[in-house]
Amino acid sequence: MLQRTPFLVGETHGILSRPENAVRASSDRFGWTSLYASMQRELPYEGRFPAVKDQLIVQHIDGPVTIDRLNGDSAERCAVPAGGLHLFPGGLDSASV
């Protein structure tokens, strides 16, 4: 049987590790192998994030939140309502602008 290693924060896009984000909970200590989950309070930020193999799904607890992000080479702005989701696809670089 293939032994799987835990899926830890180091395998994620790096958004959680930004110093302005206050982590409230994460799955690091549970040893999960195919899912990483976290809850944090994020302040507005800009950043570019290298591709990772996994998808990032963000659910906004508060809202609406205005998000400016790059989609390929073009910037797009969207408003995400409270409870809304947005997705950063795996295998693609991403950015928040």
N, C-alpha and C. Protein backbone atom coordinates (compact mmCIF):
# COMPACT_ATOMS: atom_id res chain seq x y z
N MET A 1 0.84 -1.18 0.00
CA MET A 1 0.00 0.00 0.00
C MET A 1 0.88 1.24 0.00
N LEU A 2 0.54 2.21 -0.83
CA LEU A 2 1.26 3.46 -0.94
C LEU A 2 1.00 4.32 0.30
N GLN A 3 2.07 4.73 0.97
CA GLN A 3 1.91 5.60 2.13
C GLN A 3 1.93 7.04 1.66
N ARG A 4 0.93 7.79 2.02
CA ARG A 4 0.82 9.18 1.59
C ARG A 4 1.26 10.10 2.71
N THR A 5 1.95 11.16 2.35
CA THR A 5 2.41 12.12 3.35
C THR A 5 1.33 13.18 3.56
N PRO A 6 1.33 13.81 4.72
CA PRO A 6 0.33 14.85 4.99
C PRO A 6 0.45 16.03 4.02
N PHE A 7 -0.69 16.60 3.67
CA PHE A 7 -0.79 17.78 2.83
C PHE A 7 -0.67 18.98 3.75
N LEU A 8 0.47 19.67 3.73
CA LEU A 8 0.75 20.76 4.66
C LEU A 8 0.76 22.11 3.95
N VAL A 9 0.79 23.17 4.73
CA VAL A 9 0.71 24.53 4.20
C VAL A 9 1.80 24.81 3.16
N GLY A 10 2.95 24.19 3.25
CA GLY A 10 4.02 24.41 2.30
C GLY A 10 3.70 24.00 0.87
N GLU A 11 2.66 23.18 0.69
CA GLU A 11 2.24 22.76 -0.65
C GLU A 11 1.15 23.65 -1.24
N THR A 12 0.74 24.66 -0.50
CA THR A 12 -0.33 25.55 -0.96
C THR A 12 0.26 26.74 -1.71
N HIS A 13 -0.60 27.62 -2.19
CA HIS A 13 -0.18 28.79 -2.98
C HIS A 13 0.66 29.79 -2.18
N GLY A 14 0.61 29.75 -0.87
CA GLY A 14 1.38 30.67 -0.04
C GLY A 14 0.59 31.84 0.51
N ILE A 15 -0.66 31.94 0.15
CA ILE A 15 -1.48 33.06 0.63
C ILE A 15 -1.61 33.01 2.15
N LEU A 16 -1.78 31.83 2.70
CA LEU A 16 -1.94 31.68 4.14
C LEU A 16 -0.71 32.15 4.91
N SER A 17 0.46 32.05 4.30
CA SER A 17 1.71 32.41 4.97
C SER A 17 2.02 33.90 4.94
N ARG A 18 1.20 34.69 4.28
CA ARG A 18 1.45 36.14 4.22
C ARG A 18 1.34 36.72 5.62
N PRO A 19 2.25 37.62 6.00
CA PRO A 19 2.29 38.12 7.38
C PRO A 19 1.05 38.90 7.81
N GLU A 20 0.32 39.49 6.87
CA GLU A 20 -0.87 40.27 7.26
C GLU A 20 -2.10 39.41 7.49
N ASN A 21 -2.02 38.11 7.26
CA ASN A 21 -3.15 37.23 7.46
C ASN A 21 -3.09 36.58 8.84
N ALA A 22 -4.20 36.60 9.53
CA ALA A 22 -4.30 36.02 10.87
C ALA A 22 -4.97 34.64 10.76
N VAL A 23 -4.19 33.59 10.93
CA VAL A 23 -4.71 32.22 10.82
C VAL A 23 -5.50 31.89 12.08
N ARG A 24 -6.74 31.45 11.91
CA ARG A 24 -7.58 31.06 13.04
C ARG A 24 -7.58 29.55 13.24
N ALA A 25 -7.47 28.80 12.15
CA ALA A 25 -7.46 27.34 12.23
C ALA A 25 -6.88 26.79 10.94
N SER A 26 -6.23 25.62 11.03
CA SER A 26 -5.76 24.94 9.82
C SER A 26 -5.74 23.43 10.08
N SER A 27 -5.61 22.70 8.99
CA SER A 27 -5.62 21.24 9.09
C SER A 27 -4.22 20.64 9.26
N ASP A 28 -3.19 21.47 9.44
CA ASP A 28 -1.82 20.96 9.56
C ASP A 28 -1.68 19.80 10.55
N ARG A 29 -2.31 19.89 11.67
CA ARG A 29 -2.09 18.90 12.74
C ARG A 29 -2.88 17.60 12.59
N PHE A 30 -3.74 17.52 11.57
CA PHE A 30 -4.60 16.34 11.42
C PHE A 30 -4.01 15.24 10.55
N GLY A 31 -2.95 15.54 9.80
CA GLY A 31 -2.33 14.53 8.95
C GLY A 31 -3.13 14.19 7.70
N TRP A 32 -4.03 15.08 7.28
CA TRP A 32 -4.81 14.84 6.07
C TRP A 32 -3.88 14.74 4.88
N THR A 33 -4.17 13.85 3.95
CA THR A 33 -3.28 13.63 2.82
C THR A 33 -3.79 14.18 1.49
N SER A 34 -5.05 14.52 1.38
CA SER A 34 -5.57 14.97 0.09
C SER A 34 -6.35 16.28 0.17
N LEU A 35 -6.33 16.93 1.32
CA LEU A 35 -7.05 18.18 1.48
C LEU A 35 -6.32 19.03 2.50
N TYR A 36 -6.21 20.32 2.21
CA TYR A 36 -5.69 21.27 3.18
C TYR A 36 -6.79 22.29 3.41
N ALA A 37 -7.14 22.55 4.64
CA ALA A 37 -8.19 23.51 4.96
C ALA A 37 -7.66 24.51 5.98
N SER A 38 -8.13 25.74 5.85
CA SER A 38 -7.75 26.77 6.81
C SER A 38 -8.85 27.81 6.90
N MET A 39 -8.81 28.55 7.99
CA MET A 39 -9.69 29.70 8.18
C MET A 39 -8.81 30.82 8.66
N GLN A 40 -8.89 31.96 7.98
CA GLN A 40 -8.06 33.09 8.35
C GLN A 40 -8.77 34.39 8.05
N ARG A 41 -8.29 35.42 8.69
CA ARG A 41 -8.74 36.79 8.41
C ARG A 41 -7.67 37.40 7.52
N GLU A 42 -8.06 37.83 6.33
CA GLU A 42 -7.10 38.41 5.38
C GLU A 42 -7.34 39.90 5.23
N LEU A 43 -6.25 40.64 5.24
CA LEU A 43 -6.29 42.05 4.89
C LEU A 43 -6.04 42.16 3.39
N PRO A 44 -6.44 43.25 2.77
CA PRO A 44 -6.17 43.41 1.33
C PRO A 44 -4.67 43.27 1.04
N TYR A 45 -4.34 42.65 -0.09
CA TYR A 45 -2.94 42.46 -0.46
C TYR A 45 -2.81 42.34 -1.97
N GLU A 46 -1.59 42.51 -2.44
CA GLU A 46 -1.24 42.23 -3.82
C GLU A 46 -0.15 41.17 -3.78
N GLY A 47 -0.17 40.27 -4.74
CA GLY A 47 0.87 39.25 -4.78
C GLY A 47 0.74 38.36 -6.00
N ARG A 48 1.86 37.78 -6.35
CA ARG A 48 1.90 36.78 -7.42
C ARG A 48 2.27 35.45 -6.79
N PHE A 49 1.61 34.40 -7.25
CA PHE A 49 1.79 33.09 -6.63
C PHE A 49 2.09 32.07 -7.71
N PRO A 50 3.19 31.33 -7.55
CA PRO A 50 3.53 30.32 -8.55
C PRO A 50 2.53 29.17 -8.53
N ALA A 51 2.44 28.51 -9.65
CA ALA A 51 1.51 27.39 -9.79
C ALA A 51 1.84 26.28 -8.80
N VAL A 52 0.82 25.67 -8.28
CA VAL A 52 0.93 24.42 -7.53
C VAL A 52 -0.03 23.45 -8.20
N LYS A 53 0.11 22.16 -7.93
CA LYS A 53 -0.71 21.17 -8.65
C LYS A 53 -2.17 21.15 -8.22
N ASP A 54 -2.46 21.66 -7.04
CA ASP A 54 -3.82 21.55 -6.49
C ASP A 54 -4.60 22.85 -6.67
N GLN A 55 -5.93 22.72 -6.67
CA GLN A 55 -6.83 23.87 -6.75
C GLN A 55 -6.91 24.56 -5.39
N LEU A 56 -7.19 25.84 -5.42
CA LEU A 56 -7.47 26.60 -4.21
C LEU A 56 -8.89 27.10 -4.33
N ILE A 57 -9.72 26.71 -3.40
CA ILE A 57 -11.11 27.17 -3.36
C ILE A 57 -11.25 28.06 -2.13
N VAL A 58 -11.72 29.28 -2.35
CA VAL A 58 -11.88 30.25 -1.28
C VAL A 58 -13.36 30.52 -1.07
N GLN A 59 -13.81 30.37 0.18
CA GLN A 59 -15.16 30.75 0.53
C GLN A 59 -15.07 31.99 1.41
N HIS A 60 -15.77 33.04 1.01
CA HIS A 60 -15.76 34.29 1.77
C HIS A 60 -16.90 34.27 2.78
N ILE A 61 -16.54 34.33 4.04
CA ILE A 61 -17.55 34.32 5.10
C ILE A 61 -18.25 35.68 5.18
N ASP A 62 -17.47 36.75 5.06
CA ASP A 62 -18.03 38.11 5.04
C ASP A 62 -18.10 38.58 3.60
N GLY A 63 -18.83 39.61 3.38
CA GLY A 63 -18.89 40.16 2.03
C GLY A 63 -19.90 41.28 1.97
N PRO A 64 -20.02 41.86 0.81
CA PRO A 64 -19.29 41.48 -0.39
C PRO A 64 -17.82 41.91 -0.33
N VAL A 65 -16.99 41.17 -1.04
CA VAL A 65 -15.56 41.45 -1.14
C VAL A 65 -15.24 41.68 -2.61
N THR A 66 -14.54 42.79 -2.89
CA THR A 66 -14.11 43.06 -4.26
C THR A 66 -12.75 42.45 -4.47
N ILE A 67 -12.62 41.66 -5.53
CA ILE A 67 -11.36 40.98 -5.83
C ILE A 67 -10.87 41.45 -7.19
N ASP A 68 -9.63 41.90 -7.23
CA ASP A 68 -8.94 42.20 -8.49
C ASP A 68 -7.92 41.10 -8.68
N ARG A 69 -7.98 40.40 -9.79
CA ARG A 69 -7.03 39.31 -10.02
C ARG A 69 -6.70 39.22 -11.50
N LEU A 70 -5.57 38.58 -11.77
CA LEU A 70 -5.16 38.38 -13.15
C LEU A 70 -5.78 37.10 -13.68
N ASN A 71 -6.27 37.19 -14.90
CA ASN A 71 -6.79 36.05 -15.62
C ASN A 71 -5.98 35.98 -16.92
N GLY A 72 -4.91 35.19 -16.90
CA GLY A 72 -3.95 35.24 -17.99
C GLY A 72 -3.18 36.54 -17.88
N ASP A 73 -3.19 37.36 -18.91
CA ASP A 73 -2.50 38.65 -18.88
C ASP A 73 -3.43 39.81 -18.60
N SER A 74 -4.73 39.56 -18.48
CA SER A 74 -5.66 40.65 -18.26
C SER A 74 -6.19 40.63 -16.83
N ALA A 75 -6.40 41.83 -16.30
CA ALA A 75 -6.94 41.96 -14.95
C ALA A 75 -8.46 41.90 -15.01
N GLU A 76 -9.05 41.30 -14.00
CA GLU A 76 -10.50 41.30 -13.89
C GLU A 76 -10.89 41.63 -12.47
N ARG A 77 -12.01 42.26 -12.32
CA ARG A 77 -12.55 42.64 -11.01
C ARG A 77 -13.88 41.95 -10.84
N CYS A 78 -14.10 41.38 -9.65
CA CYS A 78 -15.39 40.78 -9.38
C CYS A 78 -15.75 41.02 -7.92
N ALA A 79 -17.03 41.02 -7.65
CA ALA A 79 -17.53 41.16 -6.29
C ALA A 79 -18.04 39.80 -5.84
N VAL A 80 -17.51 39.33 -4.72
CA VAL A 80 -17.91 38.03 -4.18
C VAL A 80 -18.79 38.29 -2.96
N PRO A 81 -20.03 37.79 -2.97
CA PRO A 81 -20.91 38.01 -1.82
C PRO A 81 -20.51 37.16 -0.63
N ALA A 82 -21.04 37.49 0.53
CA ALA A 82 -20.82 36.66 1.72
C ALA A 82 -21.27 35.24 1.40
N GLY A 83 -20.42 34.27 1.71
CA GLY A 83 -20.72 32.88 1.40
C GLY A 83 -20.32 32.46 0.00
N GLY A 84 -19.87 33.41 -0.82
CA GLY A 84 -19.50 33.12 -2.20
C GLY A 84 -18.14 32.43 -2.30
N LEU A 85 -17.92 31.78 -3.43
CA LEU A 85 -16.69 31.03 -3.69
C LEU A 85 -15.96 31.61 -4.89
N HIS A 86 -14.64 31.48 -4.89
CA HIS A 86 -13.89 31.64 -6.13
C HIS A 86 -12.76 30.62 -6.13
N LEU A 87 -12.26 30.33 -7.33
CA LEU A 87 -11.33 29.23 -7.54
C LEU A 87 -10.05 29.73 -8.20
N PHE A 88 -8.91 29.28 -7.67
CA PHE A 88 -7.62 29.44 -8.32
C PHE A 88 -7.28 28.05 -8.89
N PRO A 89 -7.25 27.88 -10.20
CA PRO A 89 -7.00 26.56 -10.77
C PRO A 89 -5.60 26.03 -10.46
N GLY A 90 -5.47 24.74 -10.29
CA GLY A 90 -4.17 24.13 -10.13
C GLY A 90 -3.39 24.17 -11.43
N GLY A 91 -2.08 24.22 -11.34
CA GLY A 91 -1.22 24.20 -12.51
C GLY A 91 -1.04 25.53 -13.19
N LEU A 92 -1.65 26.60 -12.67
CA LEU A 92 -1.52 27.92 -13.26
C LEU A 92 -1.01 28.91 -12.23
N ASP A 93 -0.11 29.80 -12.67
CA ASP A 93 0.30 30.89 -11.79
C ASP A 93 -0.93 31.74 -11.52
N SER A 94 -0.94 32.42 -10.38
CA SER A 94 -2.07 33.29 -10.07
C SER A 94 -1.55 34.58 -9.44
N ALA A 95 -2.40 35.57 -9.41
CA ALA A 95 -2.02 36.85 -8.83
C ALA A 95 -3.26 37.55 -8.30
N SER A 96 -3.06 38.33 -7.25
CA SER A 96 -4.07 39.25 -6.74
C SER A 96 -3.49 40.63 -6.95
N VAL A 97 -4.22 41.48 -7.64
CA VAL A 97 -3.71 42.80 -7.96
C VAL A 97 -4.60 43.88 -7.41
